[in-house]
Amino acid sequence: FEKTLHNRLGIDQEAMEALEQQIE
């Protein structure tokens, strides 16, 4: 669901995952 939503919004999934990993 998250990936579908991000794709629909046009969010760069790789950049978002990298930021989330750094946050974790």
PDBML (XML) file of the C-alpha atoms, coordinates in Angstrom:
<?xml version="1.0" encoding="UTF-8" ?>
<PDBx:datablock datablockName="MODEL"
   xmlns:PDBx="http://pdbml.pdb.org/schema/pdbx-v50.xsd"
   xmlns:xsi="http://www.w3.org/2001/XMLSchema-instance"
   xsi:schemaLocation="http://pdbml.pdb.org/schema/pdbx-v50.xsd pdbx-v50.xsd">
   <PDBx:atom_siteCategory>
      <PDBx:atom_site id="1">
         <PDBx:B_iso_or_equiv>0.00</PDBx:B_iso_or_equiv>
         <PDBx:Cartn_x>0.000</PDBx:Cartn_x>
         <PDBx:Cartn_y>0.000</PDBx:Cartn_y>
         <PDBx:Cartn_z>0.000</PDBx:Cartn_z>
         <PDBx:auth_asym_id>A</PDBx:auth_asym_id>
         <PDBx:auth_atom_id>CA</PDBx:auth_atom_id>
         <PDBx:auth_comp_id>PHE</PDBx:auth_comp_id>
         <PDBx:auth_seq_id>1</PDBx:auth_seq_id>
         <PDBx:group_PDB>ATOM</PDBx:group_PDB>
         <PDBx:label_alt_id xsi:nil="true" />
         <PDBx:label_asym_id>A</PDBx:label_asym_id>
         <PDBx:label_atom_id>CA</PDBx:label_atom_id>
         <PDBx:label_comp_id>PHE</PDBx:label_comp_id>
         <PDBx:label_entity_id>1</PDBx:label_entity_id>
         <PDBx:label_seq_id>1</PDBx:label_seq_id>
         <PDBx:occupancy>1.00</PDBx:occupancy>
         <PDBx:pdbx_PDB_model_num>1</PDBx:pdbx_PDB_model_num>
         <PDBx:type_symbol>C</PDBx:type_symbol>
      </PDBx:atom_site>
      <PDBx:atom_site id="2">
         <PDBx:B_iso_or_equiv>0.00</PDBx:B_iso_or_equiv>
         <PDBx:Cartn_x>2.802</PDBx:Cartn_x>
         <PDBx:Cartn_y>2.393</PDBx:Cartn_y>
         <PDBx:Cartn_z>0.914</PDBx:Cartn_z>
         <PDBx:auth_asym_id>A</PDBx:auth_asym_id>
         <PDBx:auth_atom_id>CA</PDBx:auth_atom_id>
         <PDBx:auth_comp_id>GLU</PDBx:auth_comp_id>
         <PDBx:auth_seq_id>2</PDBx:auth_seq_id>
         <PDBx:group_PDB>ATOM</PDBx:group_PDB>
         <PDBx:label_alt_id xsi:nil="true" />
         <PDBx:label_asym_id>A</PDBx:label_asym_id>
         <PDBx:label_atom_id>CA</PDBx:label_atom_id>
         <PDBx:label_comp_id>GLU</PDBx:label_comp_id>
         <PDBx:label_entity_id>1</PDBx:label_entity_id>
         <PDBx:label_seq_id>2</PDBx:label_seq_id>
         <PDBx:occupancy>1.00</PDBx:occupancy>
         <PDBx:pdbx_PDB_model_num>1</PDBx:pdbx_PDB_model_num>
         <PDBx:type_symbol>C</PDBx:type_symbol>
      </PDBx:atom_site>
      <PDBx:atom_site id="3">
         <PDBx:B_iso_or_equiv>0.00</PDBx:B_iso_or_equiv>
         <PDBx:Cartn_x>4.652</PDBx:Cartn_x>
         <PDBx:Cartn_y>1.791</PDBx:Cartn_y>
         <PDBx:Cartn_z>-2.350</PDBx:Cartn_z>
         <PDBx:auth_asym_id>A</PDBx:auth_asym_id>
         <PDBx:auth_atom_id>CA</PDBx:auth_atom_id>
         <PDBx:auth_comp_id>LYS</PDBx:auth_comp_id>
         <PDBx:auth_seq_id>3</PDBx:auth_seq_id>
         <PDBx:group_PDB>ATOM</PDBx:group_PDB>
         <PDBx:label_alt_id xsi:nil="true" />
         <PDBx:label_asym_id>A</PDBx:label_asym_id>
         <PDBx:label_atom_id>CA</PDBx:label_atom_id>
         <PDBx:label_comp_id>LYS</PDBx:label_comp_id>
         <PDBx:label_entity_id>1</PDBx:label_entity_id>
         <PDBx:label_seq_id>3</PDBx:label_seq_id>
         <PDBx:occupancy>1.00</PDBx:occupancy>
         <PDBx:pdbx_PDB_model_num>1</PDBx:pdbx_PDB_model_num>
         <PDBx:type_symbol>C</PDBx:type_symbol>
      </PDBx:atom_site>
      <PDBx:atom_site id="4">
         <PDBx:B_iso_or_equiv>0.00</PDBx:B_iso_or_equiv>
         <PDBx:Cartn_x>1.468</PDBx:Cartn_x>
         <PDBx:Cartn_y>2.232</PDBx:Cartn_y>
         <PDBx:Cartn_z>-4.368</PDBx:Cartn_z>
         <PDBx:auth_asym_id>A</PDBx:auth_asym_id>
         <PDBx:auth_atom_id>CA</PDBx:auth_atom_id>
         <PDBx:auth_comp_id>THR</PDBx:auth_comp_id>
         <PDBx:auth_seq_id>4</PDBx:auth_seq_id>
         <PDBx:group_PDB>ATOM</PDBx:group_PDB>
         <PDBx:label_alt_id xsi:nil="true" />
         <PDBx:label_asym_id>A</PDBx:label_asym_id>
         <PDBx:label_atom_id>CA</PDBx:label_atom_id>
         <PDBx:label_comp_id>THR</PDBx:label_comp_id>
         <PDBx:label_entity_id>1</PDBx:label_entity_id>
         <PDBx:label_seq_id>4</PDBx:label_seq_id>
         <PDBx:occupancy>1.00</PDBx:occupancy>
         <PDBx:pdbx_PDB_model_num>1</PDBx:pdbx_PDB_model_num>
         <PDBx:type_symbol>C</PDBx:type_symbol>
      </PDBx:atom_site>
      <PDBx:atom_site id="5">
         <PDBx:B_iso_or_equiv>0.00</PDBx:B_iso_or_equiv>
         <PDBx:Cartn_x>0.667</PDBx:Cartn_x>
         <PDBx:Cartn_y>5.466</PDBx:Cartn_y>
         <PDBx:Cartn_z>-2.569</PDBx:Cartn_z>
         <PDBx:auth_asym_id>A</PDBx:auth_asym_id>
         <PDBx:auth_atom_id>CA</PDBx:auth_atom_id>
         <PDBx:auth_comp_id>LEU</PDBx:auth_comp_id>
         <PDBx:auth_seq_id>5</PDBx:auth_seq_id>
         <PDBx:group_PDB>ATOM</PDBx:group_PDB>
         <PDBx:label_alt_id xsi:nil="true" />
         <PDBx:label_asym_id>A</PDBx:label_asym_id>
         <PDBx:label_atom_id>CA</PDBx:label_atom_id>
         <PDBx:label_comp_id>LEU</PDBx:label_comp_id>
         <PDBx:label_entity_id>1</PDBx:label_entity_id>
         <PDBx:label_seq_id>5</PDBx:label_seq_id>
         <PDBx:occupancy>1.00</PDBx:occupancy>
         <PDBx:pdbx_PDB_model_num>1</PDBx:pdbx_PDB_model_num>
         <PDBx:type_symbol>C</PDBx:type_symbol>
      </PDBx:atom_site>
      <PDBx:atom_site id="6">
         <PDBx:B_iso_or_equiv>0.00</PDBx:B_iso_or_equiv>
         <PDBx:Cartn_x>4.189</PDBx:Cartn_x>
         <PDBx:Cartn_y>6.812</PDBx:Cartn_y>
         <PDBx:Cartn_z>-3.009</PDBx:Cartn_z>
         <PDBx:auth_asym_id>A</PDBx:auth_asym_id>
         <PDBx:auth_atom_id>CA</PDBx:auth_atom_id>
         <PDBx:auth_comp_id>HIS</PDBx:auth_comp_id>
         <PDBx:auth_seq_id>6</PDBx:auth_seq_id>
         <PDBx:group_PDB>ATOM</PDBx:group_PDB>
         <PDBx:label_alt_id xsi:nil="true" />
         <PDBx:label_asym_id>A</PDBx:label_asym_id>
         <PDBx:label_atom_id>CA</PDBx:label_atom_id>
         <PDBx:label_comp_id>HIS</PDBx:label_comp_id>
         <PDBx:label_entity_id>1</PDBx:label_entity_id>
         <PDBx:label_seq_id>6</PDBx:label_seq_id>
         <PDBx:occupancy>1.00</PDBx:occupancy>
         <PDBx:pdbx_PDB_model_num>1</PDBx:pdbx_PDB_model_num>
         <PDBx:type_symbol>C</PDBx:type_symbol>
      </PDBx:atom_site>
      <PDBx:atom_site id="7">
         <PDBx:B_iso_or_equiv>0.00</PDBx:B_iso_or_equiv>
         <PDBx:Cartn_x>4.165</PDBx:Cartn_x>
         <PDBx:Cartn_y>5.886</PDBx:Cartn_y>
         <PDBx:Cartn_z>-6.676</PDBx:Cartn_z>
         <PDBx:auth_asym_id>A</PDBx:auth_asym_id>
         <PDBx:auth_atom_id>CA</PDBx:auth_atom_id>
         <PDBx:auth_comp_id>ASN</PDBx:auth_comp_id>
         <PDBx:auth_seq_id>7</PDBx:auth_seq_id>
         <PDBx:group_PDB>ATOM</PDBx:group_PDB>
         <PDBx:label_alt_id xsi:nil="true" />
         <PDBx:label_asym_id>A</PDBx:label_asym_id>
         <PDBx:label_atom_id>CA</PDBx:label_atom_id>
         <PDBx:label_comp_id>ASN</PDBx:label_comp_id>
         <PDBx:label_entity_id>1</PDBx:label_entity_id>
         <PDBx:label_seq_id>7</PDBx:label_seq_id>
         <PDBx:occupancy>1.00</PDBx:occupancy>
         <PDBx:pdbx_PDB_model_num>1</PDBx:pdbx_PDB_model_num>
         <PDBx:type_symbol>C</PDBx:type_symbol>
      </PDBx:atom_site>
      <PDBx:atom_site id="8">
         <PDBx:B_iso_or_equiv>0.00</PDBx:B_iso_or_equiv>
         <PDBx:Cartn_x>0.837</PDBx:Cartn_x>
         <PDBx:Cartn_y>7.671</PDBx:Cartn_y>
         <PDBx:Cartn_z>-7.128</PDBx:Cartn_z>
         <PDBx:auth_asym_id>A</PDBx:auth_asym_id>
         <PDBx:auth_atom_id>CA</PDBx:auth_atom_id>
         <PDBx:auth_comp_id>ARG</PDBx:auth_comp_id>
         <PDBx:auth_seq_id>8</PDBx:auth_seq_id>
         <PDBx:group_PDB>ATOM</PDBx:group_PDB>
         <PDBx:label_alt_id xsi:nil="true" />
         <PDBx:label_asym_id>A</PDBx:label_asym_id>
         <PDBx:label_atom_id>CA</PDBx:label_atom_id>
         <PDBx:label_comp_id>ARG</PDBx:label_comp_id>
         <PDBx:label_entity_id>1</PDBx:label_entity_id>
         <PDBx:label_seq_id>8</PDBx:label_seq_id>
         <PDBx:occupancy>1.00</PDBx:occupancy>
         <PDBx:pdbx_PDB_model_num>1</PDBx:pdbx_PDB_model_num>
         <PDBx:type_symbol>C</PDBx:type_symbol>
      </PDBx:atom_site>
      <PDBx:atom_site id="9">
         <PDBx:B_iso_or_equiv>0.00</PDBx:B_iso_or_equiv>
         <PDBx:Cartn_x>2.180</PDBx:Cartn_x>
         <PDBx:Cartn_y>10.767</PDBx:Cartn_y>
         <PDBx:Cartn_z>-5.396</PDBx:Cartn_z>
         <PDBx:auth_asym_id>A</PDBx:auth_asym_id>
         <PDBx:auth_atom_id>CA</PDBx:auth_atom_id>
         <PDBx:auth_comp_id>LEU</PDBx:auth_comp_id>
         <PDBx:auth_seq_id>9</PDBx:auth_seq_id>
         <PDBx:group_PDB>ATOM</PDBx:group_PDB>
         <PDBx:label_alt_id xsi:nil="true" />
         <PDBx:label_asym_id>A</PDBx:label_asym_id>
         <PDBx:label_atom_id>CA</PDBx:label_atom_id>
         <PDBx:label_comp_id>LEU</PDBx:label_comp_id>
         <PDBx:label_entity_id>1</PDBx:label_entity_id>
         <PDBx:label_seq_id>9</PDBx:label_seq_id>
         <PDBx:occupancy>1.00</PDBx:occupancy>
         <PDBx:pdbx_PDB_model_num>1</PDBx:pdbx_PDB_model_num>
         <PDBx:type_symbol>C</PDBx:type_symbol>
      </PDBx:atom_site>
      <PDBx:atom_site id="10">
         <PDBx:B_iso_or_equiv>0.00</PDBx:B_iso_or_equiv>
         <PDBx:Cartn_x>5.406</PDBx:Cartn_x>
         <PDBx:Cartn_y>10.676</PDBx:Cartn_y>
         <PDBx:Cartn_z>-7.396</PDBx:Cartn_z>
         <PDBx:auth_asym_id>A</PDBx:auth_asym_id>
         <PDBx:auth_atom_id>CA</PDBx:auth_atom_id>
         <PDBx:auth_comp_id>GLY</PDBx:auth_comp_id>
         <PDBx:auth_seq_id>10</PDBx:auth_seq_id>
         <PDBx:group_PDB>ATOM</PDBx:group_PDB>
         <PDBx:label_alt_id xsi:nil="true" />
         <PDBx:label_asym_id>A</PDBx:label_asym_id>
         <PDBx:label_atom_id>CA</PDBx:label_atom_id>
         <PDBx:label_comp_id>GLY</PDBx:label_comp_id>
         <PDBx:label_entity_id>1</PDBx:label_entity_id>
         <PDBx:label_seq_id>10</PDBx:label_seq_id>
         <PDBx:occupancy>1.00</PDBx:occupancy>
         <PDBx:pdbx_PDB_model_num>1</PDBx:pdbx_PDB_model_num>
         <PDBx:type_symbol>C</PDBx:type_symbol>
      </PDBx:atom_site>
      <PDBx:atom_site id="11">
         <PDBx:B_iso_or_equiv>0.00</PDBx:B_iso_or_equiv>
         <PDBx:Cartn_x>7.717</PDBx:Cartn_x>
         <PDBx:Cartn_y>10.220</PDBx:Cartn_y>
         <PDBx:Cartn_z>-4.426</PDBx:Cartn_z>
         <PDBx:auth_asym_id>A</PDBx:auth_asym_id>
         <PDBx:auth_atom_id>CA</PDBx:auth_atom_id>
         <PDBx:auth_comp_id>ILE</PDBx:auth_comp_id>
         <PDBx:auth_seq_id>11</PDBx:auth_seq_id>
         <PDBx:group_PDB>ATOM</PDBx:group_PDB>
         <PDBx:label_alt_id xsi:nil="true" />
         <PDBx:label_asym_id>A</PDBx:label_asym_id>
         <PDBx:label_atom_id>CA</PDBx:label_atom_id>
         <PDBx:label_comp_id>ILE</PDBx:label_comp_id>
         <PDBx:label_entity_id>1</PDBx:label_entity_id>
         <PDBx:label_seq_id>11</PDBx:label_seq_id>
         <PDBx:occupancy>1.00</PDBx:occupancy>
         <PDBx:pdbx_PDB_model_num>1</PDBx:pdbx_PDB_model_num>
         <PDBx:type_symbol>C</PDBx:type_symbol>
      </PDBx:atom_site>
      <PDBx:atom_site id="12">
         <PDBx:B_iso_or_equiv>0.00</PDBx:B_iso_or_equiv>
         <PDBx:Cartn_x>11.194</PDBx:Cartn_x>
         <PDBx:Cartn_y>8.903</PDBx:Cartn_y>
         <PDBx:Cartn_z>-5.198</PDBx:Cartn_z>
         <PDBx:auth_asym_id>A</PDBx:auth_asym_id>
         <PDBx:auth_atom_id>CA</PDBx:auth_atom_id>
         <PDBx:auth_comp_id>ASP</PDBx:auth_comp_id>
         <PDBx:auth_seq_id>12</PDBx:auth_seq_id>
         <PDBx:group_PDB>ATOM</PDBx:group_PDB>
         <PDBx:label_alt_id xsi:nil="true" />
         <PDBx:label_asym_id>A</PDBx:label_asym_id>
         <PDBx:label_atom_id>CA</PDBx:label_atom_id>
         <PDBx:label_comp_id>ASP</PDBx:label_comp_id>
         <PDBx:label_entity_id>1</PDBx:label_entity_id>
         <PDBx:label_seq_id>12</PDBx:label_seq_id>
         <PDBx:occupancy>1.00</PDBx:occupancy>
         <PDBx:pdbx_PDB_model_num>1</PDBx:pdbx_PDB_model_num>
         <PDBx:type_symbol>C</PDBx:type_symbol>
      </PDBx:atom_site>
      <PDBx:atom_site id="13">
         <PDBx:B_iso_or_equiv>0.00</PDBx:B_iso_or_equiv>
         <PDBx:Cartn_x>10.964</PDBx:Cartn_x>
         <PDBx:Cartn_y>5.560</PDBx:Cartn_y>
         <PDBx:Cartn_z>-3.425</PDBx:Cartn_z>
         <PDBx:auth_asym_id>A</PDBx:auth_asym_id>
         <PDBx:auth_atom_id>CA</PDBx:auth_atom_id>
         <PDBx:auth_comp_id>GLN</PDBx:auth_comp_id>
         <PDBx:auth_seq_id>13</PDBx:auth_seq_id>
         <PDBx:group_PDB>ATOM</PDBx:group_PDB>
         <PDBx:label_alt_id xsi:nil="true" />
         <PDBx:label_asym_id>A</PDBx:label_asym_id>
         <PDBx:label_atom_id>CA</PDBx:label_atom_id>
         <PDBx:label_comp_id>GLN</PDBx:label_comp_id>
         <PDBx:label_entity_id>1</PDBx:label_entity_id>
         <PDBx:label_seq_id>13</PDBx:label_seq_id>
         <PDBx:occupancy>1.00</PDBx:occupancy>
         <PDBx:pdbx_PDB_model_num>1</PDBx:pdbx_PDB_model_num>
         <PDBx:type_symbol>C</PDBx:type_symbol>
      </PDBx:atom_site>
      <PDBx:atom_site id="14">
         <PDBx:B_iso_or_equiv>0.00</PDBx:B_iso_or_equiv>
         <PDBx:Cartn_x>14.717</PDBx:Cartn_x>
         <PDBx:Cartn_y>4.935</PDBx:Cartn_y>
         <PDBx:Cartn_z>-3.300</PDBx:Cartn_z>
         <PDBx:auth_asym_id>A</PDBx:auth_asym_id>
         <PDBx:auth_atom_id>CA</PDBx:auth_atom_id>
         <PDBx:auth_comp_id>GLU</PDBx:auth_comp_id>
         <PDBx:auth_seq_id>14</PDBx:auth_seq_id>
         <PDBx:group_PDB>ATOM</PDBx:group_PDB>
         <PDBx:label_alt_id xsi:nil="true" />
         <PDBx:label_asym_id>A</PDBx:label_asym_id>
         <PDBx:label_atom_id>CA</PDBx:label_atom_id>
         <PDBx:label_comp_id>GLU</PDBx:label_comp_id>
         <PDBx:label_entity_id>1</PDBx:label_entity_id>
         <PDBx:label_seq_id>14</PDBx:label_seq_id>
         <PDBx:occupancy>1.00</PDBx:occupancy>
         <PDBx:pdbx_PDB_model_num>1</PDBx:pdbx_PDB_model_num>
         <PDBx:type_symbol>C</PDBx:type_symbol>
      </PDBx:atom_site>
      <PDBx:atom_site id="15">
         <PDBx:B_iso_or_equiv>0.00</PDBx:B_iso_or_equiv>
         <PDBx:Cartn_x>15.446</PDBx:Cartn_x>
         <PDBx:Cartn_y>8.324</PDBx:Cartn_y>
         <PDBx:Cartn_z>-1.737</PDBx:Cartn_z>
         <PDBx:auth_asym_id>A</PDBx:auth_asym_id>
         <PDBx:auth_atom_id>CA</PDBx:auth_atom_id>
         <PDBx:auth_comp_id>ALA</PDBx:auth_comp_id>
         <PDBx:auth_seq_id>15</PDBx:auth_seq_id>
         <PDBx:group_PDB>ATOM</PDBx:group_PDB>
         <PDBx:label_alt_id xsi:nil="true" />
         <PDBx:label_asym_id>A</PDBx:label_asym_id>
         <PDBx:label_atom_id>CA</PDBx:label_atom_id>
         <PDBx:label_comp_id>ALA</PDBx:label_comp_id>
         <PDBx:label_entity_id>1</PDBx:label_entity_id>
         <PDBx:label_seq_id>15</PDBx:label_seq_id>
         <PDBx:occupancy>1.00</PDBx:occupancy>
         <PDBx:pdbx_PDB_model_num>1</PDBx:pdbx_PDB_model_num>
         <PDBx:type_symbol>C</PDBx:type_symbol>
      </PDBx:atom_site>
      <PDBx:atom_site id="16">
         <PDBx:B_iso_or_equiv>0.00</PDBx:B_iso_or_equiv>
         <PDBx:Cartn_x>12.639</PDBx:Cartn_x>
         <PDBx:Cartn_y>7.843</PDBx:Cartn_y>
         <PDBx:Cartn_z>0.746</PDBx:Cartn_z>
         <PDBx:auth_asym_id>A</PDBx:auth_asym_id>
         <PDBx:auth_atom_id>CA</PDBx:auth_atom_id>
         <PDBx:auth_comp_id>MET</PDBx:auth_comp_id>
         <PDBx:auth_seq_id>16</PDBx:auth_seq_id>
         <PDBx:group_PDB>ATOM</PDBx:group_PDB>
         <PDBx:label_alt_id xsi:nil="true" />
         <PDBx:label_asym_id>A</PDBx:label_asym_id>
         <PDBx:label_atom_id>CA</PDBx:label_atom_id>
         <PDBx:label_comp_id>MET</PDBx:label_comp_id>
         <PDBx:label_entity_id>1</PDBx:label_entity_id>
         <PDBx:label_seq_id>16</PDBx:label_seq_id>
         <PDBx:occupancy>1.00</PDBx:occupancy>
         <PDBx:pdbx_PDB_model_num>1</PDBx:pdbx_PDB_model_num>
         <PDBx:type_symbol>C</PDBx:type_symbol>
      </PDBx:atom_site>
      <PDBx:atom_site id="17">
         <PDBx:B_iso_or_equiv>0.00</PDBx:B_iso_or_equiv>
         <PDBx:Cartn_x>13.836</PDBx:Cartn_x>
         <PDBx:Cartn_y>4.383</PDBx:Cartn_y>
         <PDBx:Cartn_z>1.744</PDBx:Cartn_z>
         <PDBx:auth_asym_id>A</PDBx:auth_asym_id>
         <PDBx:auth_atom_id>CA</PDBx:auth_atom_id>
         <PDBx:auth_comp_id>GLU</PDBx:auth_comp_id>
         <PDBx:auth_seq_id>17</PDBx:auth_seq_id>
         <PDBx:group_PDB>ATOM</PDBx:group_PDB>
         <PDBx:label_alt_id xsi:nil="true" />
         <PDBx:label_asym_id>A</PDBx:label_asym_id>
         <PDBx:label_atom_id>CA</PDBx:label_atom_id>
         <PDBx:label_comp_id>GLU</PDBx:label_comp_id>
         <PDBx:label_entity_id>1</PDBx:label_entity_id>
         <PDBx:label_seq_id>17</PDBx:label_seq_id>
         <PDBx:occupancy>1.00</PDBx:occupancy>
         <PDBx:pdbx_PDB_model_num>1</PDBx:pdbx_PDB_model_num>
         <PDBx:type_symbol>C</PDBx:type_symbol>
      </PDBx:atom_site>
      <PDBx:atom_site id="18">
         <PDBx:B_iso_or_equiv>0.00</PDBx:B_iso_or_equiv>
         <PDBx:Cartn_x>17.395</PDBx:Cartn_x>
         <PDBx:Cartn_y>5.683</PDBx:Cartn_y>
         <PDBx:Cartn_z>2.168</PDBx:Cartn_z>
         <PDBx:auth_asym_id>A</PDBx:auth_asym_id>
         <PDBx:auth_atom_id>CA</PDBx:auth_atom_id>
         <PDBx:auth_comp_id>ALA</PDBx:auth_comp_id>
         <PDBx:auth_seq_id>18</PDBx:auth_seq_id>
         <PDBx:group_PDB>ATOM</PDBx:group_PDB>
         <PDBx:label_alt_id xsi:nil="true" />
         <PDBx:label_asym_id>A</PDBx:label_asym_id>
         <PDBx:label_atom_id>CA</PDBx:label_atom_id>
         <PDBx:label_comp_id>ALA</PDBx:label_comp_id>
         <PDBx:label_entity_id>1</PDBx:label_entity_id>
         <PDBx:label_seq_id>18</PDBx:label_seq_id>
         <PDBx:occupancy>1.00</PDBx:occupancy>
         <PDBx:pdbx_PDB_model_num>1</PDBx:pdbx_PDB_model_num>
         <PDBx:type_symbol>C</PDBx:type_symbol>
      </PDBx:atom_site>
      <PDBx:atom_site id="19">
         <PDBx:B_iso_or_equiv>0.00</PDBx:B_iso_or_equiv>
         <PDBx:Cartn_x>16.170</PDBx:Cartn_x>
         <PDBx:Cartn_y>8.496</PDBx:Cartn_y>
         <PDBx:Cartn_z>4.423</PDBx:Cartn_z>
         <PDBx:auth_asym_id>A</PDBx:auth_asym_id>
         <PDBx:auth_atom_id>CA</PDBx:auth_atom_id>
         <PDBx:auth_comp_id>LEU</PDBx:auth_comp_id>
         <PDBx:auth_seq_id>19</PDBx:auth_seq_id>
         <PDBx:group_PDB>ATOM</PDBx:group_PDB>
         <PDBx:label_alt_id xsi:nil="true" />
         <PDBx:label_asym_id>A</PDBx:label_asym_id>
         <PDBx:label_atom_id>CA</PDBx:label_atom_id>
         <PDBx:label_comp_id>LEU</PDBx:label_comp_id>
         <PDBx:label_entity_id>1</PDBx:label_entity_id>
         <PDBx:label_seq_id>19</PDBx:label_seq_id>
         <PDBx:occupancy>1.00</PDBx:occupancy>
         <PDBx:pdbx_PDB_model_num>1</PDBx:pdbx_PDB_model_num>
         <PDBx:type_symbol>C</PDBx:type_symbol>
      </PDBx:atom_site>
      <PDBx:atom_site id="20">
         <PDBx:B_iso_or_equiv>0.00</PDBx:B_iso_or_equiv>
         <PDBx:Cartn_x>14.012</PDBx:Cartn_x>
         <PDBx:Cartn_y>6.118</PDBx:Cartn_y>
         <PDBx:Cartn_z>6.443</PDBx:Cartn_z>
         <PDBx:auth_asym_id>A</PDBx:auth_asym_id>
         <PDBx:auth_atom_id>CA</PDBx:auth_atom_id>
         <PDBx:auth_comp_id>GLU</PDBx:auth_comp_id>
         <PDBx:auth_seq_id>20</PDBx:auth_seq_id>
         <PDBx:group_PDB>ATOM</PDBx:group_PDB>
         <PDBx:label_alt_id xsi:nil="true" />
         <PDBx:label_asym_id>A</PDBx:label_asym_id>
         <PDBx:label_atom_id>CA</PDBx:label_atom_id>
         <PDBx:label_comp_id>GLU</PDBx:label_comp_id>
         <PDBx:label_entity_id>1</PDBx:label_entity_id>
         <PDBx:label_seq_id>20</PDBx:label_seq_id>
         <PDBx:occupancy>1.00</PDBx:occupancy>
         <PDBx:pdbx_PDB_model_num>1</PDBx:pdbx_PDB_model_num>
         <PDBx:type_symbol>C</PDBx:type_symbol>
      </PDBx:atom_site>
      <PDBx:atom_site id="21">
         <PDBx:B_iso_or_equiv>0.00</PDBx:B_iso_or_equiv>
         <PDBx:Cartn_x>16.966</PDBx:Cartn_x>
         <PDBx:Cartn_y>3.762</PDBx:Cartn_y>
         <PDBx:Cartn_z>6.888</PDBx:Cartn_z>
         <PDBx:auth_asym_id>A</PDBx:auth_asym_id>
         <PDBx:auth_atom_id>CA</PDBx:auth_atom_id>
         <PDBx:auth_comp_id>GLN</PDBx:auth_comp_id>
         <PDBx:auth_seq_id>21</PDBx:auth_seq_id>
         <PDBx:group_PDB>ATOM</PDBx:group_PDB>
         <PDBx:label_alt_id xsi:nil="true" />
         <PDBx:label_asym_id>A</PDBx:label_asym_id>
         <PDBx:label_atom_id>CA</PDBx:label_atom_id>
         <PDBx:label_comp_id>GLN</PDBx:label_comp_id>
         <PDBx:label_entity_id>1</PDBx:label_entity_id>
         <PDBx:label_seq_id>21</PDBx:label_seq_id>
         <PDBx:occupancy>1.00</PDBx:occupancy>
         <PDBx:pdbx_PDB_model_num>1</PDBx:pdbx_PDB_model_num>
         <PDBx:type_symbol>C</PDBx:type_symbol>
      </PDBx:atom_site>
      <PDBx:atom_site id="22">
         <PDBx:B_iso_or_equiv>0.00</PDBx:B_iso_or_equiv>
         <PDBx:Cartn_x>19.186</PDBx:Cartn_x>
         <PDBx:Cartn_y>6.617</PDBx:Cartn_y>
         <PDBx:Cartn_z>8.078</PDBx:Cartn_z>
         <PDBx:auth_asym_id>A</PDBx:auth_asym_id>
         <PDBx:auth_atom_id>CA</PDBx:auth_atom_id>
         <PDBx:auth_comp_id>GLN</PDBx:auth_comp_id>
         <PDBx:auth_seq_id>22</PDBx:auth_seq_id>
         <PDBx:group_PDB>ATOM</PDBx:group_PDB>
         <PDBx:label_alt_id xsi:nil="true" />
         <PDBx:label_asym_id>A</PDBx:label_asym_id>
         <PDBx:label_atom_id>CA</PDBx:label_atom_id>
         <PDBx:label_comp_id>GLN</PDBx:label_comp_id>
         <PDBx:label_entity_id>1</PDBx:label_entity_id>
         <PDBx:label_seq_id>22</PDBx:label_seq_id>
         <PDBx:occupancy>1.00</PDBx:occupancy>
         <PDBx:pdbx_PDB_model_num>1</PDBx:pdbx_PDB_model_num>
         <PDBx:type_symbol>C</PDBx:type_symbol>
      </PDBx:atom_site>
      <PDBx:atom_site id="23">
         <PDBx:B_iso_or_equiv>0.00</PDBx:B_iso_or_equiv>
         <PDBx:Cartn_x>16.452</PDBx:Cartn_x>
         <PDBx:Cartn_y>7.702</PDBx:Cartn_y>
         <PDBx:Cartn_z>10.496</PDBx:Cartn_z>
         <PDBx:auth_asym_id>A</PDBx:auth_asym_id>
         <PDBx:auth_atom_id>CA</PDBx:auth_atom_id>
         <PDBx:auth_comp_id>ILE</PDBx:auth_comp_id>
         <PDBx:auth_seq_id>23</PDBx:auth_seq_id>
         <PDBx:group_PDB>ATOM</PDBx:group_PDB>
         <PDBx:label_alt_id xsi:nil="true" />
         <PDBx:label_asym_id>A</PDBx:label_asym_id>
         <PDBx:label_atom_id>CA</PDBx:label_atom_id>
         <PDBx:label_comp_id>ILE</PDBx:label_comp_id>
         <PDBx:label_entity_id>1</PDBx:label_entity_id>
         <PDBx:label_seq_id>23</PDBx:label_seq_id>
         <PDBx:occupancy>1.00</PDBx:occupancy>
         <PDBx:pdbx_PDB_model_num>1</PDBx:pdbx_PDB_model_num>
         <PDBx:type_symbol>C</PDBx:type_symbol>
      </PDBx:atom_site>
      <PDBx:atom_site id="24">
         <PDBx:B_iso_or_equiv>0.00</PDBx:B_iso_or_equiv>
         <PDBx:Cartn_x>16.192</PDBx:Cartn_x>
         <PDBx:Cartn_y>4.160</PDBx:Cartn_y>
         <PDBx:Cartn_z>11.888</PDBx:Cartn_z>
         <PDBx:auth_asym_id>A</PDBx:auth_asym_id>
         <PDBx:auth_atom_id>CA</PDBx:auth_atom_id>
         <PDBx:auth_comp_id>GLU</PDBx:auth_comp_id>
         <PDBx:auth_seq_id>24</PDBx:auth_seq_id>
         <PDBx:group_PDB>ATOM</PDBx:group_PDB>
         <PDBx:label_alt_id xsi:nil="true" />
         <PDBx:label_asym_id>A</PDBx:label_asym_id>
         <PDBx:label_atom_id>CA</PDBx:label_atom_id>
         <PDBx:label_comp_id>GLU</PDBx:label_comp_id>
         <PDBx:label_entity_id>1</PDBx:label_entity_id>
         <PDBx:label_seq_id>24</PDBx:label_seq_id>
         <PDBx:occupancy>1.00</PDBx:occupancy>
         <PDBx:pdbx_PDB_model_num>1</PDBx:pdbx_PDB_model_num>
         <PDBx:type_symbol>C</PDBx:type_symbol>
      </PDBx:atom_site>
   </PDBx:atom_siteCategory>
</PDBx:datablock>
